[in-house]
Amino acid sequence: MIIERVVLNSRPGKNGVPVAENFRLEQSTIPDTAQEGQVRVRTLYLSVDPYMRCRMNEDTGSDYLLPWQLSEVADGGGIGVVEESKHNNFAKGDFVTSFNWPWQTVAILDGSLLQKLIPQLVNGCLSYFLGAAGITGLTALLGIREKGHVTAGANQTMVVSGAAGACGSLAGQIGRLEGCSRVVGIAGTDEKCSILVSEMGFNAAINYKKENVAEQLRKLCPGGVDVYFDNVGGDISDTVISQMNQNSHIILCGQISQYNKDVPYPPPLPPDIEKIQKERNITRERFLVLNYMDKQEASVLQLCQWIQEGKLKVRETVIKGLANIGAAFQSMMNGGNIGKQIILVSK
């Protein structure tokens, strides 16, 4: 069977910025039929995520992420429909997902690595299982619950950087649902800031490209910052940390400003900021959602319930066509989108 797939064409270099040309669309072949224990799936949706930048390097800098290999098919979160099944758990027509879905139009996969999806849980919006009801939503929810120490009625203020991104836009809403009395987002355009406040329920948002972040934080968080959901690292995070309260908490989700730099993860803080962190007893522990998979099922059900009730608003940027995945990746790394970025491969 002839299929189309996307392979890693070149590496951007540890300190380089990814471009669409780092990926290549090509034709390939797969067997016509699945073997015992396998399923043949047609790809519907693929997810592109910031963490994938690390997989473009020969060394990901992480013990849980494998690098993509040159001229080999890339992979990540994906959703498809079963076309043929030789696995007891799946039947033709089932919708399934995997964290390691190959970037190709049709694939034969080991059934033991797949999870069956129930479209009704997300009001039929299957792609949400790659975002708000998938690993992105889990990262936001479990990050806040495990590392944020949010207590309803405690009058806590949360700040979210990268707030218009896939994870940040959910984290701010979840912080409010979990009990924060004030949620302030930091984003890079007026449009993003407007959407955070008007659609996502943030109390306020700061455009870091136009406004003085330190001044705005002092104005918008007069009682200081109790919880910081950190998606970016770098200068913005240093500014937020300097205004955090005693015994406050940093949820270390991502460090996108550092992804194109050859630095350890999490990157060390500048000496003056590290001094503040230690003096104020601010927790800053690495958070890895894969360490909390025992809580996955209950957490996904909670996310789905909020989506069904309209309490968790979801924004997606859907790009059509496998051929456009490289350009979509480049756009995401440049911060050009609001919410989750999804590739629609087929209907």
C-alpha atoms as a PDB file:
ATOM      1  CA  MET A   1       0.000   0.000   0.000  1.00  0.00           C
ATOM      2  CA  ILE A   2       1.384   3.415  -0.984  1.00  0.00           C
ATOM      3  CA  ILE A   3       1.187   6.095   1.712  1.00  0.00           C
ATOM      4  CA  GLU A   4       2.542   9.595   2.340  1.00  0.00           C
ATOM      5  CA  ARG A   5       4.731  10.331   5.339  1.00  0.00           C
ATOM      6  CA  VAL A   6       6.800  13.176   6.804  1.00  0.00           C
ATOM      7  CA  VAL A   7      10.412  12.520   7.776  1.00  0.00           C
ATOM      8  CA  LEU A   8      13.083  14.612   9.472  1.00  0.00           C
ATOM      9  CA  ASN A   9      15.000  16.110   6.547  1.00  0.00           C
ATOM     10  CA  SER A  10      17.655  18.013   8.516  1.00  0.00           C
ATOM     11  CA  ARG A  11      18.449  19.155  12.045  1.00  0.00           C
ATOM     12  CA  PRO A  12      18.308  22.883  12.842  1.00  0.00           C
ATOM     13  CA  GLY A  13      21.331  22.597  15.144  1.00  0.00           C
ATOM     14  CA  LYS A  14      21.105  22.846  18.932  1.00  0.00           C
ATOM     15  CA  ASN A  15      20.925  26.647  18.870  1.00  0.00           C
ATOM     16  CA  GLY A  16      19.087  26.960  15.540  1.00  0.00           C
ATOM     17  CA  VAL A  17      15.504  27.948  14.888  1.00  0.00           C
ATOM     18  CA  PRO A  18      13.408  25.219  13.181  1.00  0.00           C
ATOM     19  CA  VAL A  19      12.131  25.869   9.662  1.00  0.00           C
ATOM     20  CA  ALA A  20       9.639  24.030   7.470  1.00  0.00           C
ATOM     21  CA  GLU A  21      12.499  22.636   5.358  1.00  0.00           C
ATOM     22  CA  ASN A  22      13.695  20.564   8.330  1.00  0.00           C
ATOM     23  CA  PHE A  23      10.863  18.205   7.340  1.00  0.00           C
ATOM     24  CA  ARG A  24      10.215  16.381   4.067  1.00  0.00           C
ATOM     25  CA  LEU A  25       7.056  14.831   2.620  1.00  0.00           C
ATOM     26  CA  GLU A  26       7.632  11.587   0.730  1.00  0.00           C
ATOM     27  CA  GLN A  27       5.861   8.488  -0.510  1.00  0.00           C
ATOM     28  CA  SER A  28       6.455   5.120   1.118  1.00  0.00           C
ATOM     29  CA  THR A  29       4.842   1.693   1.292  1.00  0.00           C
ATOM     30  CA  ILE A  30       3.373  -0.386   4.115  1.00  0.00           C
ATOM     31  CA  PRO A  31       2.011  -3.957   4.071  1.00  0.00           C
ATOM     32  CA  ASP A  32      -1.536  -4.307   2.752  1.00  0.00           C
ATOM     33  CA  THR A  33      -2.742  -6.140   5.831  1.00  0.00           C
ATOM     34  CA  ALA A  34      -2.156  -6.124   9.591  1.00  0.00           C
ATOM     35  CA  GLN A  35      -0.576  -9.039  11.470  1.00  0.00           C
ATOM     36  CA  GLU A  36      -1.895 -10.644  14.677  1.00  0.00           C
ATOM     37  CA  GLY A  37      -2.074  -8.028  17.461  1.00  0.00           C
ATOM     38  CA  GLN A  38      -1.870  -5.124  15.006  1.00  0.00           C
ATOM     39  CA  VAL A  39      -4.386  -2.634  13.601  1.00  0.00           C
ATOM     40  CA  ARG A  40      -4.333  -0.642  10.385  1.00  0.00           C
ATOM     41  CA  VAL A  41      -5.357   2.939  11.015  1.00  0.00           C
ATOM     42  CA  ARG A  42      -6.078   5.945   8.832  1.00  0.00           C
ATOM     43  CA  THR A  43      -4.661   9.113  10.374  1.00  0.00           C
ATOM     44  CA  LEU A  44      -7.183  11.859  11.123  1.00  0.00           C
ATOM     45  CA  TYR A  45      -5.321  14.351  13.331  1.00  0.00           C
ATOM     46  CA  LEU A  46      -1.714  14.985  14.351  1.00  0.00           C
ATOM     47  CA  SER A  47      -0.460  17.250  17.094  1.00  0.00           C
ATOM     48  CA  VAL A  48       2.535  19.586  16.863  1.00  0.00           C
ATOM     49  CA  ASP A  49       3.941  20.673  20.217  1.00  0.00           C
ATOM     50  CA  PRO A  50       6.843  22.795  21.513  1.00  0.00           C
ATOM     51  CA  TYR A  51       8.531  19.834  23.247  1.00  0.00           C
ATOM     52  CA  MET A  52       9.171  18.339  19.797  1.00  0.00           C
ATOM     53  CA  ARG A  53      11.904  20.935  19.277  1.00  0.00           C
ATOM     54  CA  CYS A  54      14.087  18.837  21.591  1.00  0.00           C
ATOM     55  CA  ARG A  55      13.476  15.758  19.418  1.00  0.00           C
ATOM     56  CA  MET A  56      15.040  17.537  16.440  1.00  0.00           C
ATOM     57  CA  ASN A  57      18.450  17.406  18.167  1.00  0.00           C
ATOM     58  CA  GLU A  58      20.698  14.340  18.139  1.00  0.00           C
ATOM     59  CA  ASP A  59      20.547  14.491  21.942  1.00  0.00           C
ATOM     60  CA  THR A  60      17.157  15.555  23.348  1.00  0.00           C
ATOM     61  CA  GLY A  61      18.683  16.474  26.700  1.00  0.00           C
ATOM     62  CA  SER A  62      16.020  14.294  28.306  1.00  0.00           C
ATOM     63  CA  ASP A  63      15.880  10.700  29.459  1.00  0.00           C
ATOM     64  CA  TYR A  64      12.235  10.255  28.409  1.00  0.00           C
ATOM     65  CA  LEU A  65      12.322  11.733  24.875  1.00  0.00           C
ATOM     66  CA  LEU A  66      13.945   9.914  21.963  1.00  0.00           C
ATOM     67  CA  PRO A  67      15.414  11.993  19.121  1.00  0.00           C
ATOM     68  CA  TRP A  68      13.896  11.817  15.664  1.00  0.00           C
ATOM     69  CA  GLN A  69      16.284  10.207  13.191  1.00  0.00           C
ATOM     70  CA  LEU A  70      17.228  11.759   9.855  1.00  0.00           C
ATOM     71  CA  SER A  71      15.173  10.452   6.921  1.00  0.00           C
ATOM     72  CA  GLU A  72      12.984   8.486   9.362  1.00  0.00           C
ATOM     73  CA  VAL A  73       9.292   9.205   9.935  1.00  0.00           C
ATOM     74  CA  ALA A  74       8.563  11.703  12.740  1.00  0.00           C
ATOM     75  CA  ASP A  75       5.945  10.907  15.373  1.00  0.00           C
ATOM     76  CA  GLY A  76       3.922  12.426  18.197  1.00  0.00           C
ATOM     77  CA  GLY A  77       0.367  12.620  19.466  1.00  0.00           C
ATOM     78  CA  GLY A  78      -2.138  11.402  16.893  1.00  0.00           C
ATOM     79  CA  ILE A  79      -5.700  10.217  16.359  1.00  0.00           C
ATOM     80  CA  GLY A  80      -7.019   7.875  13.702  1.00  0.00           C
ATOM     81  CA  VAL A  81      -9.785   5.483  12.762  1.00  0.00           C
ATOM     82  CA  VAL A  82      -9.341   1.705  12.626  1.00  0.00           C
ATOM     83  CA  GLU A  83      -9.674   0.325   9.087  1.00  0.00           C
ATOM     84  CA  GLU A  84      -8.625  -3.260   9.883  1.00  0.00           C
ATOM     85  CA  SER A  85      -8.097  -4.923  13.262  1.00  0.00           C
ATOM     86  CA  LYS A  86      -6.337  -8.092  14.326  1.00  0.00           C
ATOM     87  CA  HIS A  87      -6.365  -7.062  17.988  1.00  0.00           C
ATOM     88  CA  ASN A  88      -9.128  -8.143  20.351  1.00  0.00           C
ATOM     89  CA  ASN A  89      -9.645  -4.676  21.845  1.00  0.00           C
ATOM     90  CA  PHE A  90     -10.420  -2.877  18.591  1.00  0.00           C
ATOM     91  CA  ALA A  91     -12.920  -3.134  15.754  1.00  0.00           C
ATOM     92  CA  LYS A  92     -13.188  -1.440  12.384  1.00  0.00           C
ATOM     93  CA  GLY A  93     -14.500   2.093  12.840  1.00  0.00           C
ATOM     94  CA  ASP A  94     -13.087   2.616  16.344  1.00  0.00           C
ATOM     95  CA  PHE A  95     -11.343   5.928  17.020  1.00  0.00           C
ATOM     96  CA  VAL A  96      -7.940   5.477  18.650  1.00  0.00           C
ATOM     97  CA  THR A  97      -4.991   7.569  19.859  1.00  0.00           C
ATOM     98  CA  SER A  98      -1.310   7.177  20.715  1.00  0.00           C
ATOM     99  CA  PHE A  99       1.528   9.388  22.018  1.00  0.00           C
ATOM    100  CA  ASN A 100       3.790   7.971  19.295  1.00  0.00           C
ATOM    101  CA  TRP A 101       1.661   8.198  16.178  1.00  0.00           C
ATOM    102  CA  PRO A 102       3.751   8.235  12.968  1.00  0.00           C
ATOM    103  CA  TRP A 103       3.356  11.284  10.748  1.00  0.00           C
ATOM    104  CA  GLN A 104       1.861   9.359   7.842  1.00  0.00           C
ATOM    105  CA  THR A 105      -1.512   8.977   6.150  1.00  0.00           C
ATOM    106  CA  VAL A 106      -2.034   5.295   6.985  1.00  0.00           C
ATOM    107  CA  ALA A 107      -0.133   3.151   9.483  1.00  0.00           C
ATOM    108  CA  ILE A 108      -0.032  -0.358  10.913  1.00  0.00           C
ATOM    109  CA  LEU A 109       0.384  -0.110  14.676  1.00  0.00           C
ATOM    110  CA  ASP A 110       0.733  -2.440  17.648  1.00  0.00           C
ATOM    111  CA  GLY A 111      -2.721  -2.523  19.233  1.00  0.00           C
ATOM    112  CA  SER A 112      -1.257  -2.627  22.752  1.00  0.00           C
ATOM    113  CA  LEU A 113       0.049   0.935  22.258  1.00  0.00           C
ATOM    114  CA  LEU A 114      -3.344   2.398  21.373  1.00  0.00           C
ATOM    115  CA  GLN A 115      -6.171   3.820  23.468  1.00  0.00           C
ATOM    116  CA  LYS A 116      -9.791   3.781  22.342  1.00  0.00           C
ATOM    117  CA  LEU A 117     -11.549   7.155  22.319  1.00  0.00           C
ATOM    118  CA  ILE A 118     -15.176   7.989  23.127  1.00  0.00           C
ATOM    119  CA  PRO A 119     -16.149  11.004  20.953  1.00  0.00           C
ATOM    120  CA  GLN A 120     -19.213  11.801  23.094  1.00  0.00           C
ATOM    121  CA  LEU A 121     -16.917  12.805  25.991  1.00  0.00           C
ATOM    122  CA  VAL A 122     -15.781  15.845  23.989  1.00  0.00           C
ATOM    123  CA  ASN A 123     -19.073  16.616  22.235  1.00  0.00           C
ATOM    124  CA  GLY A 124     -17.770  14.905  19.107  1.00  0.00           C
ATOM    125  CA  CYS A 125     -14.678  17.151  18.791  1.00  0.00           C
ATOM    126  CA  LEU A 126     -12.160  14.313  18.434  1.00  0.00           C
ATOM    127  CA  SER A 127      -9.138  16.601  18.097  1.00  0.00           C
ATOM    128  CA  TYR A 128      -9.681  17.778  21.704  1.00  0.00           C
ATOM    129  CA  PHE A 129      -8.157  14.442  22.783  1.00  0.00           C
ATOM    130  CA  LEU A 130      -4.816  15.800  21.523  1.00  0.00           C
ATOM    131  CA  GLY A 131      -5.252  19.040  23.459  1.00  0.00           C
ATOM    132  CA  ALA A 132      -7.701  20.048  26.159  1.00  0.00           C
ATOM    133  CA  ALA A 133      -8.768  16.448  26.899  1.00  0.00           C
ATOM    134  CA  GLY A 134      -5.340  14.975  26.158  1.00  0.00           C
ATOM    135  CA  ILE A 135      -1.735  15.402  27.212  1.00  0.00           C
ATOM    136  CA  THR A 136      -1.953  19.216  27.038  1.00  0.00           C
ATOM    137  CA  GLY A 137      -4.933  19.412  29.369  1.00  0.00           C
ATOM    138  CA  LEU A 138      -3.401  16.795  31.658  1.00  0.00           C
ATOM    139  CA  THR A 139      -0.203  18.842  31.878  1.00  0.00           C
ATOM    140  CA  ALA A 140      -2.159  21.930  32.898  1.00  0.00           C
ATOM    141  CA  LEU A 141      -4.468  20.176  35.368  1.00  0.00           C
ATOM    142  CA  LEU A 142      -1.947  17.860  37.023  1.00  0.00           C
ATOM    143  CA  GLY A 143       0.709  20.583  37.069  1.00  0.00           C
ATOM    144  CA  ILE A 144      -1.626  22.840  39.024  1.00  0.00           C
ATOM    145  CA  ARG A 145      -2.843  20.068  41.328  1.00  0.00           C
ATOM    146  CA  GLU A 146       0.552  18.473  41.997  1.00  0.00           C
ATOM    147  CA  LYS A 147       2.853  21.515  42.041  1.00  0.00           C
ATOM    148  CA  GLY A 148       0.630  24.609  42.355  1.00  0.00           C
ATOM    149  CA  HIS A 149      -0.815  23.996  45.827  1.00  0.00           C
ATOM    150  CA  VAL A 150      -3.966  25.936  44.916  1.00  0.00           C
ATOM    151  CA  THR A 151      -6.479  26.130  47.764  1.00  0.00           C
ATOM    152  CA  ALA A 152     -10.043  27.311  47.180  1.00  0.00           C
ATOM    153  CA  GLY A 153     -10.837  30.371  49.295  1.00  0.00           C
ATOM    154  CA  ALA A 154      -7.175  31.215  49.941  1.00  0.00           C
ATOM    155  CA  ASN A 155      -7.316  34.351  47.744  1.00  0.00           C
ATOM    156  CA  GLN A 156      -4.368  33.216  45.617  1.00  0.00           C
ATOM    157  CA  THR A 157      -3.091  35.017  42.526  1.00  0.00           C
ATOM    158  CA  MET A 158      -1.805  32.977  39.580  1.00  0.00           C
ATOM    159  CA  VAL A 159       0.306  34.272  36.699  1.00  0.00           C
ATOM    160  CA  VAL A 160       0.610  32.269  33.459  1.00  0.00           C
ATOM    161  CA  SER A 161       3.315  32.947  30.865  1.00  0.00           C
ATOM    162  CA  GLY A 162       2.849  31.746  27.301  1.00  0.00           C
ATOM    163  CA  ALA A 163      -0.780  32.204  28.275  1.00  0.00           C
ATOM    164  CA  ALA A 164      -2.268  32.083  24.770  1.00  0.00           C
ATOM    165  CA  GLY A 165      -0.546  28.800  23.919  1.00  0.00           C
ATOM    166  CA  ALA A 166      -2.101  25.356  24.044  1.00  0.00           C
ATOM    167  CA  CYS A 167      -1.156  24.663  27.666  1.00  0.00           C
ATOM    168  CA  GLY A 168      -1.195  28.215  29.034  1.00  0.00           C
ATOM    169  CA  SER A 169      -4.706  29.015  27.823  1.00  0.00           C
ATOM    170  CA  LEU A 170      -5.990  25.929  29.666  1.00  0.00           C
ATOM    171  CA  ALA A 171      -3.834  26.461  32.760  1.00  0.00           C
ATOM    172  CA  GLY A 172      -5.283  29.894  33.480  1.00  0.00           C
ATOM    173  CA  GLN A 173      -8.841  28.604  33.215  1.00  0.00           C
ATOM    174  CA  ILE A 174      -8.061  25.556  35.361  1.00  0.00           C
ATOM    175  CA  GLY A 175      -6.358  27.747  37.975  1.00  0.00           C
ATOM    176  CA  ARG A 176      -9.597  29.694  38.298  1.00  0.00           C
ATOM    177  CA  LEU A 177     -11.722  26.513  38.374  1.00  0.00           C
ATOM    178  CA  GLU A 178      -9.465  25.067  41.089  1.00  0.00           C
ATOM    179  CA  GLY A 179      -9.860  28.147  43.287  1.00  0.00           C
ATOM    180  CA  CYS A 180      -7.488  30.982  42.357  1.00  0.00           C
ATOM    181  CA  SER A 181      -9.174  34.336  42.930  1.00  0.00           C
ATOM    182  CA  ARG A 182      -7.071  36.173  40.333  1.00  0.00           C
ATOM    183  CA  VAL A 183      -5.459  34.923  37.120  1.00  0.00           C
ATOM    184  CA  VAL A 184      -3.185  37.109  34.991  1.00  0.00           C
ATOM    185  CA  GLY A 185      -1.788  35.994  31.632  1.00  0.00           C
ATOM    186  CA  ILE A 186       1.300  37.115  29.732  1.00  0.00           C
ATOM    187  CA  ALA A 187       1.188  36.901  25.914  1.00  0.00           C
ATOM    188  CA  GLY A 188       2.751  38.514  22.850  1.00  0.00           C
ATOM    189  CA  THR A 189      -0.041  40.329  20.977  1.00  0.00           C
ATOM    190  CA  ASP A 190      -3.020  42.539  21.818  1.00  0.00           C
ATOM    191  CA  GLU A 191      -5.312  40.014  20.100  1.00  0.00           C
ATOM    192  CA  LYS A 192      -4.078  37.190  22.330  1.00  0.00           C
ATOM    193  CA  CYS A 193      -4.457  39.318  25.463  1.00  0.00           C
ATOM    194  CA  SER A 194      -7.990  40.306  24.451  1.00  0.00           C
ATOM    195  CA  ILE A 195      -9.027  36.673  23.883  1.00  0.00           C
ATOM    196  CA  LEU A 196      -7.576  35.589  27.240  1.00  0.00           C
ATOM    197  CA  VAL A 197      -9.773  38.105  29.052  1.00  0.00           C
ATOM    198  CA  SER A 198     -12.933  38.026  26.911  1.00  0.00           C
ATOM    199  CA  GLU A 199     -13.099  34.275  26.149  1.00  0.00           C
ATOM    200  CA  MET A 200     -10.886  32.424  28.607  1.00  0.00           C
ATOM    201  CA  GLY A 201     -11.888  34.179  31.834  1.00  0.00           C
ATOM    202  CA  PHE A 202      -8.479  35.605  32.753  1.00  0.00           C
ATOM    203  CA  ASN A 203      -8.815  38.693  34.969  1.00  0.00           C
ATOM    204  CA  ALA A 204      -6.161  40.549  32.992  1.00  0.00           C
ATOM    205  CA  ALA A 205      -3.410  39.992  30.433  1.00  0.00           C
ATOM    206  CA  ILE A 206      -0.079  41.686  29.722  1.00  0.00           C
ATOM    207  CA  ASN A 207       1.398  42.144  26.237  1.00  0.00           C
ATOM    208  CA  TYR A 208       5.090  41.628  26.998  1.00  0.00           C
ATOM    209  CA  LYS A 209       6.134  43.040  23.626  1.00  0.00           C
ATOM    210  CA  LYS A 210       4.483  46.410  24.262  1.00  0.00           C
ATOM    211  CA  GLU A 211       4.178  46.795  28.019  1.00  0.00           C
ATOM    212  CA  ASN A 212       6.580  46.884  30.945  1.00  0.00           C
ATOM    213  CA  VAL A 213       5.898  43.479  32.514  1.00  0.00           C
ATOM    214  CA  ALA A 214       7.290  44.365  35.955  1.00  0.00           C
ATOM    215  CA  GLU A 215       5.160  47.526  36.184  1.00  0.00           C
ATOM    216  CA  GLN A 216       2.017  45.769  34.972  1.00  0.00           C
ATOM    217  CA  LEU A 217       2.499  42.891  37.406  1.00  0.00           C
ATOM    218  CA  ARG A 218       2.807  45.329  40.312  1.00  0.00           C
ATOM    219  CA  LYS A 219      -0.440  46.974  39.209  1.00  0.00           C
ATOM    220  CA  LEU A 220      -2.395  43.804  38.394  1.00  0.00           C
ATOM    221  CA  CYS A 221      -1.061  41.653  41.271  1.00  0.00           C
ATOM    222  CA  PRO A 222      -0.853  44.129  44.159  1.00  0.00           C
ATOM    223  CA  GLY A 223      -0.715  41.292  46.697  1.00  0.00           C
ATOM    224  CA  GLY A 224       2.140  39.567  44.859  1.00  0.00           C
ATOM    225  CA  VAL A 225       2.110  36.260  42.985  1.00  0.00           C
ATOM    226  CA  ASP A 226       1.295  32.963  44.743  1.00  0.00           C
ATOM    227  CA  VAL A 227       1.373  30.523  41.813  1.00  0.00           C
ATOM    228  CA  TYR A 228       3.328  30.903  38.573  1.00  0.00           C
ATOM    229  CA  PHE A 229       2.598  28.564  35.656  1.00  0.00           C
ATOM    230  CA  ASP A 230       5.847  28.916  33.713  1.00  0.00           C
ATOM    231  CA  ASN A 231       5.663  28.064  30.006  1.00  0.00           C
ATOM    232  CA  VAL A 232       8.538  30.224  28.779  1.00  0.00           C
ATOM    233  CA  GLY A 233      11.492  30.683  31.143  1.00  0.00           C
ATOM    234  CA  GLY A 234      14.003  33.432  30.404  1.00  0.00           C
ATOM    235  CA  ASP A 235      13.587  37.125  31.180  1.00  0.00           C
ATOM    236  CA  ILE A 236       9.802  37.006  31.583  1.00  0.00           C
ATOM    237  CA  SER A 237      10.068  34.319  34.244  1.00  0.00           C
ATOM    238  CA  ASP A 238      12.819  36.197  36.069  1.00  0.00           C
ATOM    239  CA  THR A 239      10.496  39.222  36.225  1.00  0.00           C
ATOM    240  CA  VAL A 240       7.582  37.171  37.591  1.00  0.00           C
ATOM    241  CA  ILE A 241       9.724  35.347  40.174  1.00  0.00           C
ATOM    242  CA  SER A 242      10.973  38.668  41.543  1.00  0.00           C
ATOM    243  CA  GLN A 243       7.343  39.497  42.481  1.00  0.00           C
ATOM    244  CA  MET A 244       6.428  36.132  44.002  1.00  0.00           C
ATOM    245  CA  ASN A 245       5.376  35.805  47.638  1.00  0.00           C
ATOM    246  CA  GLN A 246       6.930  33.876  50.496  1.00  0.00           C
ATOM    247  CA  ASN A 247       6.253  30.099  50.206  1.00  0.00           C
ATOM    248  CA  SER A 248       4.836  30.461  46.705  1.00  0.00           C
ATOM    249  CA  HIS A 249       5.048  27.906  43.899  1.00  0.00           C
ATOM    250  CA  ILE A 250       6.355  27.720  40.331  1.00  0.00           C
ATOM    251  CA  ILE A 251       4.833  25.086  38.043  1.00  0.00           C
ATOM    252  CA  LEU A 252       7.691  24.392  35.678  1.00  0.00           C
ATOM    253  CA  CYS A 253       5.831  23.331  32.547  1.00  0.00           C
ATOM    254  CA  GLY A 254       8.035  24.379  29.650  1.00  0.00           C
ATOM    255  CA  GLN A 255      10.851  26.741  28.795  1.00  0.00           C
ATOM    256  CA  ILE A 256      10.054  27.603  25.190  1.00  0.00           C
ATOM    257  CA  SER A 257      12.328  30.656  25.174  1.00  0.00           C
ATOM    258  CA  GLN A 258      15.200  28.263  25.876  1.00  0.00           C
ATOM    259  CA  TYR A 259      14.293  25.445  23.446  1.00  0.00           C
ATOM    260  CA  ASN A 260      16.576  26.728  20.694  1.00  0.00           C
ATOM    261  CA  LYS A 261      19.507  27.071  23.087  1.00  0.00           C
ATOM    262  CA  ASP A 262      21.950  24.419  24.226  1.00  0.00           C
ATOM    263  CA  VAL A 263      21.254  24.695  27.973  1.00  0.00           C
ATOM    264  CA  PRO A 264      20.303  22.117  30.619  1.00  0.00           C
ATOM    265  CA  TYR A 265      16.647  21.598  31.483  1.00  0.00           C
ATOM    266  CA  PRO A 266      15.352  23.216  33.560  1.00  0.00           C
ATOM    267  CA  PRO A 267      17.709  26.122  32.813  1.00  0.00           C
ATOM    268  CA  PRO A 268      19.418  27.565  35.895  1.00  0.00           C
ATOM    269  CA  LEU A 269      18.184  30.907  37.197  1.00  0.00           C
ATOM    270  CA  PRO A 270      20.412  34.005  37.215  1.00  0.00           C
ATOM    271  CA  PRO A 271      22.142  34.387  40.619  1.00  0.00           C
ATOM    272  CA  ASP A 272      19.990  37.337  41.769  1.00  0.00           C
ATOM    273  CA  ILE A 273      16.745  35.492  40.897  1.00  0.00           C
ATOM    274  CA  GLU A 274      17.976  32.260  42.478  1.00  0.00           C
ATOM    275  CA  LYS A 275      18.685  34.249  45.659  1.00  0.00           C
ATOM    276  CA  ILE A 276      15.078  35.509  45.694  1.00  0.00           C
ATOM    277  CA  GLN A 277      13.795  31.977  45.114  1.00  0.00           C
ATOM    278  CA  LYS A 278      15.743  30.588  48.060  1.00  0.00           C
ATOM    279  CA  GLU A 279      15.063  33.480  50.444  1.00  0.00           C
ATOM    280  CA  ARG A 280      11.316  33.345  49.796  1.00  0.00           C
ATOM    281  CA  ASN A 281      11.212  29.522  49.813  1.00  0.00           C
ATOM    282  CA  ILE A 282       9.657  29.402  46.336  1.00  0.00           C
ATOM    283  CA  THR A 283       9.292  25.843  45.051  1.00  0.00           C
ATOM    284  CA  ARG A 284      10.548  25.275  41.488  1.00  0.00           C
ATOM    285  CA  GLU A 285      10.480  21.557  40.800  1.00  0.00           C
ATOM    286  CA  ARG A 286      10.614  19.927  37.399  1.00  0.00           C
ATOM    287  CA  PHE A 287       7.140  18.708  36.434  1.00  0.00           C
ATOM    288  CA  LEU A 288       6.712  15.759  34.096  1.00  0.00           C
ATOM    289  CA  VAL A 289       3.131  14.699  33.413  1.00  0.00           C
ATOM    290  CA  LEU A 290       4.228  11.156  32.475  1.00  0.00           C
ATOM    291  CA  ASN A 291       5.055  10.591  36.162  1.00  0.00           C
ATOM    292  CA  TYR A 292       1.361  10.929  37.032  1.00  0.00           C
ATOM    293  CA  MET A 293      -0.240   8.517  34.570  1.00  0.00           C
ATOM    294  CA  ASP A 294      -1.991   6.733  37.458  1.00  0.00           C
ATOM    295  CA  LYS A 295      -4.188   9.860  37.641  1.00  0.00           C
ATOM    296  CA  GLN A 296      -4.740  10.083  33.885  1.00  0.00           C
ATOM    297  CA  GLU A 297      -8.186   8.495  33.634  1.00  0.00           C
ATOM    298  CA  ALA A 298      -9.838  10.512  36.414  1.00  0.00           C
ATOM    299  CA  SER A 299      -8.153  13.706  35.202  1.00  0.00           C
ATOM    300  CA  VAL A 300      -9.285  13.243  31.582  1.00  0.00           C
ATOM    301  CA  LEU A 301     -12.857  12.694  32.802  1.00  0.00           C
ATOM    302  CA  GLN A 302     -12.631  15.929  34.811  1.00  0.00           C
ATOM    303  CA  LEU A 303     -11.382  17.836  31.772  1.00  0.00           C
ATOM    304  CA  CYS A 304     -14.138  16.363  29.595  1.00  0.00           C
ATOM    305  CA  GLN A 305     -16.771  17.328  32.166  1.00  0.00           C
ATOM    306  CA  TRP A 306     -15.558  20.936  32.204  1.00  0.00           C
ATOM    307  CA  ILE A 307     -15.599  20.991  28.380  1.00  0.00           C
ATOM    308  CA  GLN A 308     -19.149  19.608  28.270  1.00  0.00           C
ATOM    309  CA  GLU A 309     -20.298  22.151  30.870  1.00  0.00           C
ATOM    310  CA  GLY A 310     -18.716  25.016  28.942  1.00  0.00           C
ATOM    311  CA  LYS A 311     -16.389  25.840  31.835  1.00  0.00           C
ATOM    312  CA  LEU A 312     -13.225  25.071  29.856  1.00  0.00           C
ATOM    313  CA  LYS A 313     -13.014  27.008  26.595  1.00  0.00           C
ATOM    314  CA  VAL A 314     -10.918  25.427  23.844  1.00  0.00           C
ATOM    315  CA  ARG A 315      -9.099  27.245  21.055  1.00  0.00           C
ATOM    316  CA  GLU A 316      -7.538  25.317  18.169  1.00  0.00           C
ATOM    317  CA  THR A 317      -5.631  26.298  15.052  1.00  0.00           C
ATOM    318  CA  VAL A 318      -6.389  23.570  12.505  1.00  0.00           C
ATOM    319  CA  ILE A 319      -4.080  23.297   9.489  1.00  0.00           C
ATOM    320  CA  LYS A 320      -5.203  21.025   6.647  1.00  0.00           C
ATOM    321  CA  GLY A 321      -2.834  18.596   4.977  1.00  0.00           C
ATOM    322  CA  LEU A 322       0.130  16.486   6.056  1.00  0.00           C
ATOM    323  CA  ALA A 323       2.293  18.457   3.602  1.00  0.00           C
ATOM    324  CA  ASN A 324       1.876  21.576   5.779  1.00  0.00           C
ATOM    325  CA  ILE A 325       3.097  20.071   9.049  1.00  0.00           C
ATOM    326  CA  GLY A 326       6.618  21.528   8.710  1.00  0.00           C
ATOM    327  CA  ALA A 327       5.305  25.046   8.155  1.00  0.00           C
ATOM    328  CA  ALA A 328       2.876  24.563  11.057  1.00  0.00           C
ATOM    329  CA  PHE A 329       5.749  23.522  13.326  1.00  0.00           C
ATOM    330  CA  GLN A 330       7.754  26.601  12.335  1.00  0.00           C
ATOM    331  CA  SER A 331       4.759  28.880  12.980  1.00  0.00           C
ATOM    332  CA  MET A 332       4.129  27.334  16.405  1.00  0.00           C
ATOM    333  CA  MET A 333       7.756  27.772  17.471  1.00  0.00           C
ATOM    334  CA  ASN A 334       7.498  31.435  16.451  1.00  0.00           C
ATOM    335  CA  GLY A 335       4.470  31.854  18.730  1.00  0.00           C
ATOM    336  CA  GLY A 336       2.079  32.623  15.911  1.00  0.00           C
ATOM    337  CA  ASN A 337      -0.990  30.715  17.104  1.00  0.00           C
ATOM    338  CA  ILE A 338      -3.641  30.866  19.780  1.00  0.00           C
ATOM    339  CA  GLY A 339      -4.357  27.591  21.561  1.00  0.00           C
ATOM    340  CA  LYS A 340      -3.521  24.133  20.308  1.00  0.00           C
ATOM    341  CA  GLN A 341      -2.125  23.508  16.834  1.00  0.00           C
ATOM    342  CA  ILE A 342      -3.657  20.502  15.044  1.00  0.00           C
ATOM    343  CA  ILE A 343      -2.947  19.011  11.620  1.00  0.00           C
ATOM    344  CA  LEU A 344      -6.025  17.627   9.848  1.00  0.00           C
ATOM    345  CA  VAL A 345      -4.672  14.756   7.768  1.00  0.00           C
ATOM    346  CA  SER A 346      -7.975  13.258   6.562  1.00  0.00           C
ATOM    347  CA  LYS A 347     -11.668  13.347   7.421  1.00  0.00           C
END
